[in-house]
PDB file of all heavy atoms in Angstrom:
ATOM      1  N   ALA A   1       4.944 -12.213  -2.607  1.00  0.00           N
ATOM      2  CA  ALA A   1       6.019 -11.557  -1.860  1.00  0.00           C
ATOM      3  C   ALA A   1       6.504 -12.458  -0.725  1.00  0.00           C
ATOM      4  O   ALA A   1       7.717 -12.589  -0.511  1.00  0.00           O
ATOM      5  CB  ALA A   1       5.532 -10.218  -1.313  1.00  0.00           C
ATOM      6  N   ALA A   2       5.586 -13.087  -0.020  1.00  0.00           N
ATOM      7  CA  ALA A   2       5.962 -13.991   1.071  1.00  0.00           C
ATOM      8  C   ALA A   2       6.782 -15.164   0.538  1.00  0.00           C
ATOM      9  O   ALA A   2       7.798 -15.543   1.133  1.00  0.00           O
ATOM     10  CB  ALA A   2       4.720 -14.501   1.796  1.00  0.00           C
ATOM     11  N   HIS A   3       6.380 -15.717  -0.595  1.00  0.00           N
ATOM     12  CA  HIS A   3       7.106 -16.844  -1.186  1.00  0.00           C
ATOM     13  C   HIS A   3       8.501 -16.444  -1.666  1.00  0.00           C
ATOM     14  O   HIS A   3       9.403 -17.277  -1.698  1.00  0.00           O
ATOM     15  CB  HIS A   3       6.307 -17.443  -2.348  1.00  0.00           C
ATOM     16  CG  HIS A   3       5.275 -18.418  -1.910  1.00  0.00           C
ATOM     17  ND1 HIS A   3       5.353 -19.756  -2.174  1.00  0.00           N
ATOM     18  CD2 HIS A   3       4.130 -18.247  -1.193  1.00  0.00           C
ATOM     19  CE1 HIS A   3       4.310 -20.365  -1.651  1.00  0.00           C
ATOM     20  NE2 HIS A   3       3.553 -19.464  -1.050  1.00  0.00           N
ATOM     21  N   LEU A   4       8.644 -15.196  -2.051  1.00  0.00           N
ATOM     22  CA  LEU A   4       9.944 -14.698  -2.540  1.00  0.00           C
ATOM     23  C   LEU A   4      10.740 -14.017  -1.431  1.00  0.00           C
ATOM     24  O   LEU A   4      11.813 -13.487  -1.683  1.00  0.00           O
ATOM     25  CB  LEU A   4       9.730 -13.726  -3.706  1.00  0.00           C
ATOM     26  CG  LEU A   4       9.041 -14.292  -4.946  1.00  0.00           C
ATOM     27  CD1 LEU A   4       8.757 -13.180  -5.948  1.00  0.00           C
ATOM     28  CD2 LEU A   4       9.876 -15.395  -5.587  1.00  0.00           C
ATOM     29  N   THR A   5      10.209 -14.038  -0.229  1.00  0.00           N
ATOM     30  CA  THR A   5      10.780 -13.340   0.931  1.00  0.00           C
ATOM     31  C   THR A   5      11.132 -11.882   0.615  1.00  0.00           C
ATOM     32  O   THR A   5      12.236 -11.424   0.852  1.00  0.00           O
ATOM     33  CB  THR A   5      11.986 -14.094   1.543  1.00  0.00           C
ATOM     34  OG1 THR A   5      13.006 -14.229   0.561  1.00  0.00           O
ATOM     35  CG2 THR A   5      11.580 -15.444   2.081  1.00  0.00           C
ATOM     36  N   LEU A   6      10.136 -11.206   0.059  1.00  0.00           N
ATOM     37  CA  LEU A   6      10.246  -9.797  -0.292  1.00  0.00           C
ATOM     38  C   LEU A   6       9.073  -9.040   0.325  1.00  0.00           C
ATOM     39  O   LEU A   6       8.034  -9.633   0.614  1.00  0.00           O
ATOM     40  CB  LEU A   6      10.202  -9.626  -1.812  1.00  0.00           C
ATOM     41  CG  LEU A   6      11.384 -10.149  -2.608  1.00  0.00           C
ATOM     42  CD1 LEU A   6      11.057 -10.153  -4.099  1.00  0.00           C
ATOM     43  CD2 LEU A   6      12.615  -9.295  -2.347  1.00  0.00           C
ATOM     44  N   PRO A   7       9.217  -7.738   0.474  1.00  0.00           N
ATOM     45  CA  PRO A   7       8.067  -6.960   0.946  1.00  0.00           C
ATOM     46  C   PRO A   7       6.988  -6.863  -0.140  1.00  0.00           C
ATOM     47  O   PRO A   7       7.289  -6.928  -1.337  1.00  0.00           O
ATOM     48  CB  PRO A   7       8.652  -5.584   1.255  1.00  0.00           C
ATOM     49  CG  PRO A   7       9.992  -5.538   0.660  1.00  0.00           C
ATOM     50  CD  PRO A   7      10.423  -6.932   0.343  1.00  0.00           C
ATOM     51  N   HIS A   8       5.762  -6.716   0.304  1.00  0.00           N
ATOM     52  CA  HIS A   8       4.654  -6.471  -0.620  1.00  0.00           C
ATOM     53  C   HIS A   8       4.272  -5.000  -0.520  1.00  0.00           C
ATOM     54  O   HIS A   8       4.177  -4.451   0.581  1.00  0.00           O
ATOM     55  CB  HIS A   8       3.436  -7.332  -0.271  1.00  0.00           C
ATOM     56  CG  HIS A   8       2.240  -6.986  -1.092  1.00  0.00           C
ATOM     57  ND1 HIS A   8       1.160  -6.300  -0.570  1.00  0.00           N
ATOM     58  CD2 HIS A   8       1.975  -7.185  -2.402  1.00  0.00           C
ATOM     59  CE1 HIS A   8       0.277  -6.124  -1.536  1.00  0.00           C
ATOM     60  NE2 HIS A   8       0.740  -6.640  -2.654  1.00  0.00           N
ATOM     61  N   VAL A   9       4.067  -4.366  -1.657  1.00  0.00           N
ATOM     62  CA  VAL A   9       3.648  -2.971  -1.699  1.00  0.00           C
ATOM     63  C   VAL A   9       2.325  -2.893  -2.447  1.00  0.00           C
ATOM     64  O   VAL A   9       2.229  -3.335  -3.592  1.00  0.00           O
ATOM     65  CB  VAL A   9       4.709  -2.087  -2.408  1.00  0.00           C
ATOM     66  CG1 VAL A   9       4.228  -0.649  -2.499  1.00  0.00           C
ATOM     67  CG2 VAL A   9       6.046  -2.178  -1.705  1.00  0.00           C
ATOM     68  N   ASP A  10       1.323  -2.360  -1.790  1.00  0.00           N
ATOM     69  CA  ASP A  10       0.024  -2.124  -2.405  1.00  0.00           C
ATOM     70  C   ASP A  10      -0.039  -0.642  -2.748  1.00  0.00           C
ATOM     71  O   ASP A  10       0.042   0.205  -1.858  1.00  0.00           O
ATOM     72  CB  ASP A  10      -1.088  -2.517  -1.438  1.00  0.00           C
ATOM     73  CG  ASP A  10      -2.450  -2.351  -2.055  1.00  0.00           C
ATOM     74  OD1 ASP A  10      -2.894  -1.186  -2.220  1.00  0.00           O
ATOM     75  OD2 ASP A  10      -3.091  -3.374  -2.362  1.00  0.00           O
ATOM     76  N   LEU A  11      -0.149  -0.337  -4.033  1.00  0.00           N
ATOM     77  CA  LEU A  11      -0.088   1.054  -4.483  1.00  0.00           C
ATOM     78  C   LEU A  11      -1.184   1.906  -3.836  1.00  0.00           C
ATOM     79  O   LEU A  11      -0.919   3.018  -3.387  1.00  0.00           O
ATOM     80  CB  LEU A  11      -0.196   1.105  -6.014  1.00  0.00           C
ATOM     81  CG  LEU A  11       0.224   2.398  -6.684  1.00  0.00           C
ATOM     82  CD1 LEU A  11       1.674   2.743  -6.380  1.00  0.00           C
ATOM     83  CD2 LEU A  11       0.014   2.307  -8.188  1.00  0.00           C
ATOM     84  N   ASP A  12      -2.391   1.373  -3.751  1.00  0.00           N
ATOM     85  CA  ASP A  12      -3.475   2.140  -3.129  1.00  0.00           C
ATOM     86  C   ASP A  12      -3.184   2.415  -1.651  1.00  0.00           C
ATOM     87  O   ASP A  12      -3.444   3.512  -1.155  1.00  0.00           O
ATOM     88  CB  ASP A  12      -4.808   1.407  -3.265  1.00  0.00           C
ATOM     89  CG  ASP A  12      -5.403   1.513  -4.668  1.00  0.00           C
ATOM     90  OD1 ASP A  12      -4.903   2.323  -5.475  1.00  0.00           O
ATOM     91  OD2 ASP A  12      -6.379   0.794  -4.950  1.00  0.00           O
ATOM     92  N   LYS A  13      -2.630   1.435  -0.950  1.00  0.00           N
ATOM     93  CA  LYS A  13      -2.303   1.648   0.472  1.00  0.00           C
ATOM     94  C   LYS A  13      -1.206   2.696   0.630  1.00  0.00           C
ATOM     95  O   LYS A  13      -1.214   3.470   1.587  1.00  0.00           O
ATOM     96  CB  LYS A  13      -1.905   0.327   1.125  1.00  0.00           C
ATOM     97  CG  LYS A  13      -3.102  -0.546   1.368  1.00  0.00           C
ATOM     98  CD  LYS A  13      -2.794  -1.737   2.198  1.00  0.00           C
ATOM     99  CE  LYS A  13      -4.107  -2.451   2.467  1.00  0.00           C
ATOM    100  NZ  LYS A  13      -4.060  -3.839   2.588  1.00  0.00           N
ATOM    101  N   LYS A  14      -0.259   2.722  -0.295  1.00  0.00           N
ATOM    102  CA  LYS A  14       0.783   3.765  -0.249  1.00  0.00           C
ATOM    103  C   LYS A  14       0.164   5.145  -0.435  1.00  0.00           C
ATOM    104  O   LYS A  14       0.557   6.105   0.224  1.00  0.00           O
ATOM    105  CB  LYS A  14       1.857   3.517  -1.323  1.00  0.00           C
ATOM    106  CG  LYS A  14       2.840   2.452  -0.957  1.00  0.00           C
ATOM    107  CD  LYS A  14       3.700   2.905   0.201  1.00  0.00           C
ATOM    108  CE  LYS A  14       4.663   1.825   0.606  1.00  0.00           C
ATOM    109  NZ  LYS A  14       5.352   2.137   1.854  1.00  0.00           N
ATOM    110  N   ILE A  15      -0.809   5.247  -1.337  1.00  0.00           N
ATOM    111  CA  ILE A  15      -1.479   6.528  -1.558  1.00  0.00           C
ATOM    112  C   ILE A  15      -2.202   6.961  -0.285  1.00  0.00           C
ATOM    113  O   ILE A  15      -2.141   8.129   0.114  1.00  0.00           O
ATOM    114  CB  ILE A  15      -2.453   6.443  -2.758  1.00  0.00           C
ATOM    115  CG1 ILE A  15      -1.651   6.225  -4.053  1.00  0.00           C
ATOM    116  CG2 ILE A  15      -3.323   7.691  -2.858  1.00  0.00           C
ATOM    117  CD1 ILE A  15      -2.486   5.822  -5.250  1.00  0.00           C
ATOM    118  N   VAL A  16      -2.857   6.024   0.382  1.00  0.00           N
ATOM    119  CA  VAL A  16      -3.539   6.318   1.647  1.00  0.00           C
ATOM    120  C   VAL A  16      -2.532   6.785   2.690  1.00  0.00           C
ATOM    121  O   VAL A  16      -2.763   7.762   3.407  1.00  0.00           O
ATOM    122  CB  VAL A  16      -4.335   5.085   2.140  1.00  0.00           C
ATOM    123  CG1 VAL A  16      -4.839   5.283   3.563  1.00  0.00           C
ATOM    124  CG2 VAL A  16      -5.492   4.785   1.188  1.00  0.00           C
ATOM    125  N   GLU A  17      -1.373   6.113   2.760  1.00  0.00           N
ATOM    126  CA  GLU A  17      -0.325   6.519   3.706  1.00  0.00           C
ATOM    127  C   GLU A  17       0.142   7.942   3.434  1.00  0.00           C
ATOM    128  O   GLU A  17       0.308   8.740   4.350  1.00  0.00           O
ATOM    129  CB  GLU A  17       0.892   5.582   3.600  1.00  0.00           C
ATOM    130  CG  GLU A  17       0.730   4.251   4.258  1.00  0.00           C
ATOM    131  CD  GLU A  17       1.956   3.367   4.038  1.00  0.00           C
ATOM    132  OE1 GLU A  17       3.075   3.880   3.797  1.00  0.00           O
ATOM    133  OE2 GLU A  17       1.782   2.136   4.097  1.00  0.00           O
ATOM    134  N   TYR A  18       0.396   8.261   2.154  1.00  0.00           N
ATOM    135  CA  TYR A  18       0.912   9.585   1.801  1.00  0.00           C
ATOM    136  C   TYR A  18      -0.092  10.692   2.065  1.00  0.00           C
ATOM    137  O   TYR A  18       0.274  11.782   2.481  1.00  0.00           O
ATOM    138  CB  TYR A  18       1.308   9.627   0.321  1.00  0.00           C
ATOM    139  CG  TYR A  18       2.524   8.805  -0.032  1.00  0.00           C
ATOM    140  CD1 TYR A  18       2.623   8.207  -1.281  1.00  0.00           C
ATOM    141  CD2 TYR A  18       3.586   8.613   0.846  1.00  0.00           C
ATOM    142  CE1 TYR A  18       3.735   7.443  -1.629  1.00  0.00           C
ATOM    143  CE2 TYR A  18       4.689   7.851   0.513  1.00  0.00           C
ATOM    144  CZ  TYR A  18       4.757   7.271  -0.733  1.00  0.00           C
ATOM    145  OH  TYR A  18       5.847   6.517  -1.069  1.00  0.00           O
ATOM    146  N   THR A  19      -1.370  10.412   1.789  1.00  0.00           N
ATOM    147  CA  THR A  19      -2.375  11.471   1.874  1.00  0.00           C
ATOM    148  C   THR A  19      -3.099  11.511   3.212  1.00  0.00           C
ATOM    149  O   THR A  19      -3.684  12.541   3.554  1.00  0.00           O
ATOM    150  CB  THR A  19      -3.437  11.299   0.770  1.00  0.00           C
ATOM    151  OG1 THR A  19      -4.125  10.059   0.981  1.00  0.00           O
ATOM    152  CG2 THR A  19      -2.813  11.350  -0.617  1.00  0.00           C
ATOM    153  N   GLY A  20      -3.100  10.395   3.931  1.00  0.00           N
ATOM    154  CA  GLY A  20      -3.875  10.311   5.154  1.00  0.00           C
ATOM    155  C   GLY A  20      -5.369  10.210   4.890  1.00  0.00           C
ATOM    156  O   GLY A  20      -6.180  10.393   5.790  1.00  0.00           O
ATOM    157  N   LYS A  21      -5.739   9.932   3.643  1.00  0.00           N
ATOM    158  CA  LYS A  21      -7.148   9.815   3.260  1.00  0.00           C
ATOM    159  C   LYS A  21      -7.388   8.472   2.576  1.00  0.00           C
ATOM    160  O   LYS A  21      -6.527   7.990   1.846  1.00  0.00           O
ATOM    161  CB  LYS A  21      -7.551  10.926   2.293  1.00  0.00           C
ATOM    162  CG  LYS A  21      -7.465  12.314   2.891  1.00  0.00           C
ATOM    163  CD  LYS A  21      -7.923  13.358   1.887  1.00  0.00           C
ATOM    164  CE  LYS A  21      -7.787  14.756   2.424  1.00  0.00           C
ATOM    165  NZ  LYS A  21      -8.669  15.079   3.504  1.00  0.00           N
ATOM    166  N   GLU A  22      -8.554   7.906   2.824  1.00  0.00           N
ATOM    167  CA  GLU A  22      -8.948   6.679   2.139  1.00  0.00           C
ATOM    168  C   GLU A  22      -9.176   6.986   0.657  1.00  0.00           C
ATOM    169  O   GLU A  22      -9.495   8.129   0.294  1.00  0.00           O
ATOM    170  CB  GLU A  22     -10.220   6.090   2.757  1.00  0.00           C
ATOM    171  CG  GLU A  22     -10.038   5.617   4.184  1.00  0.00           C
ATOM    172  CD  GLU A  22      -9.039   4.475   4.310  1.00  0.00           C
ATOM    173  OE1 GLU A  22      -9.018   3.583   3.445  1.00  0.00           O
ATOM    174  OE2 GLU A  22      -8.266   4.484   5.293  1.00  0.00           O
ATOM    175  N   ILE A  23      -9.057   5.951  -0.185  1.00  0.00           N
ATOM    176  CA  ILE A  23      -9.226   6.128  -1.629  1.00  0.00           C
ATOM    177  C   ILE A  23     -10.598   6.731  -1.941  1.00  0.00           C
ATOM    178  O   ILE A  23     -10.697   7.673  -2.736  1.00  0.00           O
ATOM    179  CB  ILE A  23      -9.041   4.787  -2.381  1.00  0.00           C
ATOM    180  CG1 ILE A  23      -7.641   4.197  -2.129  1.00  0.00           C
ATOM    181  CG2 ILE A  23      -9.313   4.953  -3.872  1.00  0.00           C
ATOM    182  CD1 ILE A  23      -6.487   5.046  -2.580  1.00  0.00           C
ATOM    183  N   LYS A  24     -11.644   6.219  -1.319  1.00  0.00           N
ATOM    184  CA  LYS A  24     -12.992   6.738  -1.593  1.00  0.00           C
ATOM    185  C   LYS A  24     -13.110   8.208  -1.194  1.00  0.00           C
ATOM    186  O   LYS A  24     -13.835   8.968  -1.836  1.00  0.00           O
ATOM    187  CB  LYS A  24     -14.070   5.874  -0.960  1.00  0.00           C
ATOM    188  CG  LYS A  24     -14.023   5.757   0.532  1.00  0.00           C
ATOM    189  CD  LYS A  24     -15.079   4.775   1.029  1.00  0.00           C
ATOM    190  CE  LYS A  24     -14.958   4.564   2.525  1.00  0.00           C
ATOM    191  NZ  LYS A  24     -15.881   3.579   3.025  1.00  0.00           N
ATOM    192  N   GLU A  25     -12.371   8.637  -0.151  1.00  0.00           N
ATOM    193  CA  GLU A  25     -12.372  10.052   0.241  1.00  0.00           C
ATOM    194  C   GLU A  25     -11.694  10.902  -0.827  1.00  0.00           C
ATOM    195  O   GLU A  25     -12.161  12.003  -1.148  1.00  0.00           O
ATOM    196  CB  GLU A  25     -11.629  10.252   1.561  1.00  0.00           C
ATOM    197  CG  GLU A  25     -12.330   9.717   2.785  1.00  0.00           C
ATOM    198  CD  GLU A  25     -11.473   9.943   4.016  1.00  0.00           C
ATOM    199  OE1 GLU A  25     -11.584  11.032   4.610  1.00  0.00           O
ATOM    200  OE2 GLU A  25     -10.690   9.035   4.364  1.00  0.00           O
TER     201      GLU A  25
END
């Protein structure tokens, strides 16, 4: 993403953002 000057999206991190819970939780 940095090389392409684009944002990087991590699917697991998005899930954490949406739920407010860590994946293991």
